[in-house]
N, C-alpha and C. Protein backbone atom coordinates (compact mmCIF):
# COMPACT_ATOMS: atom_id res chain seq x y z
N MET A 1 97.40 70.59 109.10
CA MET A 1 97.69 71.86 108.11
C MET A 1 96.64 72.08 107.87
N SER A 2 96.83 73.67 107.58
CA SER A 2 95.61 74.29 106.73
C SER A 2 95.57 74.33 105.70
N GLU A 3 94.29 74.51 104.95
CA GLU A 3 93.79 74.33 103.36
C GLU A 3 94.43 75.14 102.97
N GLN A 4 95.04 75.38 101.55
CA GLN A 4 96.11 75.73 100.52
C GLN A 4 95.14 76.97 100.23
N ARG A 5 95.30 78.36 100.57
CA ARG A 5 94.40 79.07 99.68
C ARG A 5 94.69 79.07 98.53
N ARG A 6 93.89 79.07 97.17
CA ARG A 6 93.83 79.53 96.60
C ARG A 6 93.49 80.41 95.37
N TYR A 7 94.03 80.84 94.49
CA TYR A 7 93.64 82.11 93.49
C TYR A 7 92.15 81.70 92.48
N GLU A 8 91.60 82.75 92.95
CA GLU A 8 90.11 82.46 92.25
C GLU A 8 90.16 83.70 91.20
N ASP A 9 89.87 83.20 89.88
CA ASP A 9 89.44 84.06 89.18
C ASP A 9 88.18 85.04 89.27
N LEU A 10 88.46 86.57 88.81
CA LEU A 10 87.37 87.10 89.26
C LEU A 10 87.20 87.38 87.62
N PRO A 11 86.18 88.71 87.57
CA PRO A 11 85.98 88.89 86.08
C PRO A 11 86.97 90.06 85.54
N PRO A 12 87.43 89.58 84.41
CA PRO A 12 88.51 90.41 83.92
C PRO A 12 87.74 92.13 83.26
N SER A 13 86.95 91.77 83.34
CA SER A 13 86.35 93.80 83.41
C SER A 13 86.54 94.34 84.36
N ARG A 14 86.77 94.01 85.49
CA ARG A 14 86.90 94.58 86.80
C ARG A 14 88.51 94.30 87.05
N VAL A 15 89.66 93.95 86.09
CA VAL A 15 90.94 94.28 86.37
C VAL A 15 91.46 95.31 85.93
N ILE A 16 92.27 96.34 87.00
CA ILE A 16 92.90 97.59 86.33
C ILE A 16 94.26 97.56 86.28
N PHE A 17 94.86 96.37 87.09
CA PHE A 17 96.36 96.21 86.31
C PHE A 17 96.69 95.07 87.01
N GLN A 18 97.86 94.45 86.13
CA GLN A 18 98.35 93.70 86.73
C GLN A 18 99.95 92.97 85.89
N ASP A 19 100.53 91.93 86.66
CA ASP A 19 101.95 92.24 86.08
C ASP A 19 102.96 90.54 86.94
N THR A 20 103.51 90.56 86.48
CA THR A 20 104.46 88.98 86.79
C THR A 20 105.90 89.25 87.42
N SER A 21 105.97 88.64 88.25
CA SER A 21 107.58 88.90 89.14
C SER A 21 108.44 88.63 88.15
N VAL A 22 110.04 89.03 87.82
CA VAL A 22 110.75 88.90 86.99
C VAL A 22 110.74 87.66 86.84
N ASP A 23 111.01 86.89 87.68
CA ASP A 23 111.25 85.29 87.41
C ASP A 23 109.87 84.82 86.81
N GLU A 24 108.87 85.26 86.59
CA GLU A 24 107.59 85.13 86.11
C GLU A 24 106.71 83.77 86.72
N SER A 25 107.20 83.48 88.32
CA SER A 25 106.49 82.75 89.35
C SER A 25 105.40 83.46 89.59
N LEU A 26 105.29 84.46 89.68
CA LEU A 26 104.30 85.04 90.86
C LEU A 26 103.83 85.87 89.54
N ALA A 27 102.47 86.23 90.51
CA ALA A 27 101.35 87.27 89.65
C ALA A 27 101.26 88.20 90.49
N LEU A 28 100.63 89.57 90.01
CA LEU A 28 99.83 90.09 90.97
C LEU A 28 98.91 90.91 89.77
N THR A 29 97.89 91.04 90.91
CA THR A 29 96.80 91.22 89.96
C THR A 29 96.13 92.36 90.69
N VAL A 30 95.25 93.28 90.54
CA VAL A 30 94.70 94.08 91.07
C VAL A 30 93.44 94.56 90.41
N TRP A 31 92.01 93.93 91.35
CA TRP A 31 90.59 94.16 91.24
C TRP A 31 89.88 95.11 91.53
N LEU A 32 88.91 96.05 90.87
CA LEU A 32 88.37 96.76 90.98
C LEU A 32 86.83 96.26 92.21
N ASP A 33 87.18 96.65 93.32
CA ASP A 33 86.33 95.80 94.66
C ASP A 33 84.55 96.14 94.26
N ASN A 34 83.85 95.08 93.88
CA ASN A 34 82.85 95.46 93.79
C ASN A 34 81.66 95.61 95.25
N GLU A 35 82.81 95.34 96.03
CA GLU A 35 81.52 95.19 97.64
C GLU A 35 80.89 96.51 98.15
N PRO A 36 79.43 96.49 98.57
CA PRO A 36 78.85 97.62 98.69
C PRO A 36 79.21 98.64 99.25
N GLU A 37 79.04 99.77 98.65
CA GLU A 37 79.55 101.11 98.98
C GLU A 37 79.21 101.32 100.85
N THR A 38 80.44 101.88 101.46
CA THR A 38 79.56 102.12 102.83
C THR A 38 80.01 103.60 102.96
N ASP A 39 79.88 104.18 104.05
CA ASP A 39 80.18 105.68 104.09
C ASP A 39 82.06 105.44 104.54
N LEU A 40 82.78 104.54 104.97
CA LEU A 40 83.74 104.92 104.99
C LEU A 40 85.05 104.58 103.17
N MET A 41 83.78 103.50 102.54
CA MET A 41 84.83 103.35 100.91
C MET A 41 83.88 104.83 100.31
N LYS A 42 82.79 105.49 100.36
CA LYS A 42 82.45 106.63 100.18
C LYS A 42 83.86 107.89 100.91
N GLU A 43 84.01 108.03 101.59
CA GLU A 43 85.24 108.78 101.96
C GLU A 43 86.55 108.72 101.32
N LEU A 44 86.71 107.24 101.39
CA LEU A 44 87.77 106.47 100.74
C LEU A 44 87.82 106.89 99.53
N GLY A 45 87.02 106.43 98.58
CA GLY A 45 87.04 106.51 97.01
C GLY A 45 87.16 104.84 96.63
N ALA A 46 87.17 104.61 95.56
CA ALA A 46 87.33 103.22 94.98
C ALA A 46 88.12 102.36 95.46
N MET A 47 87.83 101.18 95.89
CA MET A 47 88.90 100.21 96.13
C MET A 47 89.15 99.09 95.40
N GLY A 48 89.91 98.54 95.73
CA GLY A 48 90.66 97.49 95.20
C GLY A 48 91.20 96.59 95.50
N THR A 49 90.99 95.04 95.28
CA THR A 49 91.78 94.22 95.82
C THR A 49 92.99 93.73 95.09
N VAL A 50 94.26 93.39 96.13
CA VAL A 50 95.36 93.26 95.84
C VAL A 50 95.62 91.24 96.08
N ARG A 51 95.82 91.23 95.19
CA ARG A 51 96.03 89.49 94.68
C ARG A 51 97.96 89.44 94.36
N VAL A 52 98.43 88.56 95.20
CA VAL A 52 99.86 88.01 94.97
C VAL A 52 99.72 86.49 94.82
N TYR A 53 99.46 85.88 93.68
CA TYR A 53 99.80 84.03 93.91
C TYR A 53 100.20 84.05 92.83
N ASP A 54 100.91 82.40 93.02
CA ASP A 54 101.88 81.95 92.26
C ASP A 54 101.00 81.02 91.14
N ILE A 55 101.74 81.21 89.86
CA ILE A 55 101.35 81.62 88.12
C ILE A 55 100.99 79.70 88.30
N GLN A 56 101.97 78.83 88.80
CA GLN A 56 102.19 77.88 88.39
C GLN A 56 101.30 76.48 88.88
N SER A 57 100.90 76.91 90.53
CA SER A 57 100.08 76.33 91.31
C SER A 57 98.70 76.66 91.76
N GLY A 58 98.78 78.08 91.53
CA GLY A 58 97.77 78.83 91.90
C GLY A 58 97.34 79.61 93.37
N GLU A 59 98.34 78.98 94.24
CA GLU A 59 98.60 79.33 94.93
C GLU A 59 98.39 80.72 95.74
N LEU A 60 97.46 81.01 96.79
CA LEU A 60 97.33 82.76 97.00
C LEU A 60 98.35 82.71 98.14
N TYR A 61 99.64 83.79 97.85
CA TYR A 61 99.96 84.34 98.82
C TYR A 61 99.66 85.30 99.38
N HIS A 62 99.13 85.83 99.06
CA HIS A 62 98.71 87.11 99.58
C HIS A 62 97.25 88.06 98.91
N GLN A 63 96.44 88.97 100.26
CA GLN A 63 95.45 89.48 99.71
C GLN A 63 95.04 90.48 100.16
N GLU A 64 94.93 91.56 99.88
CA GLU A 64 94.45 92.84 100.80
C GLU A 64 93.47 93.84 100.16
N ARG A 65 92.84 94.43 100.75
CA ARG A 65 92.05 95.63 100.15
C ARG A 65 92.57 97.09 100.11
N MET A 66 92.73 97.94 99.28
CA MET A 66 93.27 99.30 99.19
C MET A 66 92.51 100.20 98.61
N PRO A 67 92.43 101.60 98.67
CA PRO A 67 91.92 102.53 97.81
C PRO A 67 93.03 102.59 96.72
N LEU A 68 91.94 102.93 95.81
CA LEU A 68 92.56 103.26 94.18
C LEU A 68 92.52 104.37 93.97
N SER A 69 93.56 105.05 93.34
CA SER A 69 93.39 106.66 92.37
C SER A 69 92.36 106.92 91.57
N ARG A 70 91.45 107.88 91.26
CA ARG A 70 90.73 107.99 90.21
C ARG A 70 91.39 107.38 88.97
N SER A 71 92.42 107.76 88.73
CA SER A 71 93.23 107.65 87.13
C SER A 71 93.45 105.74 87.14
N ALA A 72 93.63 105.08 88.32
CA ALA A 72 93.58 104.32 88.43
C ALA A 72 92.29 102.95 87.78
N VAL A 73 91.06 103.81 88.27
CA VAL A 73 90.26 103.33 87.93
C VAL A 73 89.07 104.00 86.37
N TYR A 74 89.28 105.01 86.71
CA TYR A 74 88.87 105.64 85.35
C TYR A 74 90.08 106.00 83.87
N GLY A 75 91.26 105.91 84.40
CA GLY A 75 92.26 106.10 83.46
C GLY A 75 93.18 107.29 83.62
N PRO A 76 94.04 107.37 83.17
CA PRO A 76 94.53 106.43 82.04
C PRO A 76 95.50 105.27 82.86
N GLY A 77 95.44 105.15 83.68
CA GLY A 77 96.20 103.89 84.85
C GLY A 77 96.67 104.62 85.90
N PRO A 78 97.29 103.36 86.78
CA PRO A 78 97.69 103.58 88.13
C PRO A 78 98.94 105.06 87.86
N ASN A 79 99.18 105.27 88.93
CA ASN A 79 100.14 106.45 89.54
C ASN A 79 100.94 105.83 89.88
N ASP A 80 102.32 106.90 89.86
CA ASP A 80 103.62 105.90 90.21
C ASP A 80 103.87 105.65 91.31
N ASP A 81 102.83 106.40 92.62
CA ASP A 81 102.87 105.81 94.21
C ASP A 81 102.25 104.24 93.99
N GLU A 82 100.73 104.14 93.46
CA GLU A 82 100.40 102.97 93.66
C GLU A 82 101.23 101.88 92.79
N VAL A 83 101.88 102.03 91.57
CA VAL A 83 102.73 101.14 91.09
C VAL A 83 104.10 100.73 91.87
N GLU A 84 104.36 101.71 92.22
CA GLU A 84 105.59 101.15 93.79
C GLU A 84 105.27 100.63 94.87
N ARG A 85 104.01 100.65 95.17
CA ARG A 85 103.53 99.92 96.29
C ARG A 85 103.03 98.47 95.84
N TRP A 86 102.30 98.15 94.97
CA TRP A 86 101.98 96.97 94.40
C TRP A 86 103.94 96.23 94.06
N SER A 87 104.92 97.15 93.20
CA SER A 87 105.65 96.62 93.71
C SER A 87 106.69 96.02 94.75
N ASN A 88 106.67 96.96 95.37
CA ASN A 88 106.85 96.65 97.09
C ASN A 88 106.08 94.99 97.53
N ILE A 89 104.80 94.73 97.28
CA ILE A 89 104.18 93.78 98.07
C ILE A 89 104.54 92.47 97.05
N ILE A 90 104.71 93.06 95.89
CA ILE A 90 104.91 91.17 95.31
C ILE A 90 106.16 90.65 95.94
N SER A 91 107.20 92.24 95.97
CA SER A 91 108.27 91.81 96.26
C SER A 91 109.11 91.09 97.55
N LEU A 92 107.87 91.10 98.36
CA LEU A 92 107.87 90.74 99.53
C LEU A 92 108.08 88.77 99.22
N PHE A 93 107.29 88.43 98.58
CA PHE A 93 107.09 86.98 98.03
C PHE A 93 108.24 86.47 96.98
N THR A 94 109.20 87.26 96.65
CA THR A 94 110.23 86.53 95.89
C THR A 94 111.49 86.34 96.48
N ASP A 95 112.84 86.15 95.96
CA ASP A 95 113.73 85.43 97.03
C ASP A 95 114.52 86.55 96.61
N GLU A 96 114.83 87.14 94.86
CA GLU A 96 115.39 88.56 94.63
C GLU A 96 115.05 89.84 95.57
N GLY A 97 113.74 89.99 95.97
CA GLY A 97 113.06 91.17 95.82
C GLY A 97 112.85 92.34 95.01
N GLN A 98 113.23 91.47 93.72
CA GLN A 98 112.90 92.29 92.33
C GLN A 98 111.83 91.92 91.79
N THR A 99 111.24 92.48 90.66
CA THR A 99 109.88 92.38 89.91
C THR A 99 109.90 93.09 89.15
N GLY A 100 108.97 92.69 88.02
CA GLY A 100 108.76 93.09 86.76
C GLY A 100 108.10 94.59 86.42
N LEU A 101 107.25 94.75 87.37
CA LEU A 101 106.67 95.87 87.82
C LEU A 101 107.67 97.21 87.42
């Protein structure tokens, strides 16, 4: 059996967005990715790391990098498309397919 992937705490100053599923068993957190800039990253803009993990055990269910809008990075907050995309991601891991996002 493979080693269980676990949630890793990242600096709170890098958190862009966070929320939980309706049943409060899962959390979704979006961090500003601090990887070195590449030509592709410059073309895409700011990147973020989206993570879905179990709040109780800390088990990491999903992680991916994706582009972030300027409003998500610099304010006033993520746009509706981003919130919907993140809601769809966390709903993949819930029984009801519904979240608090």
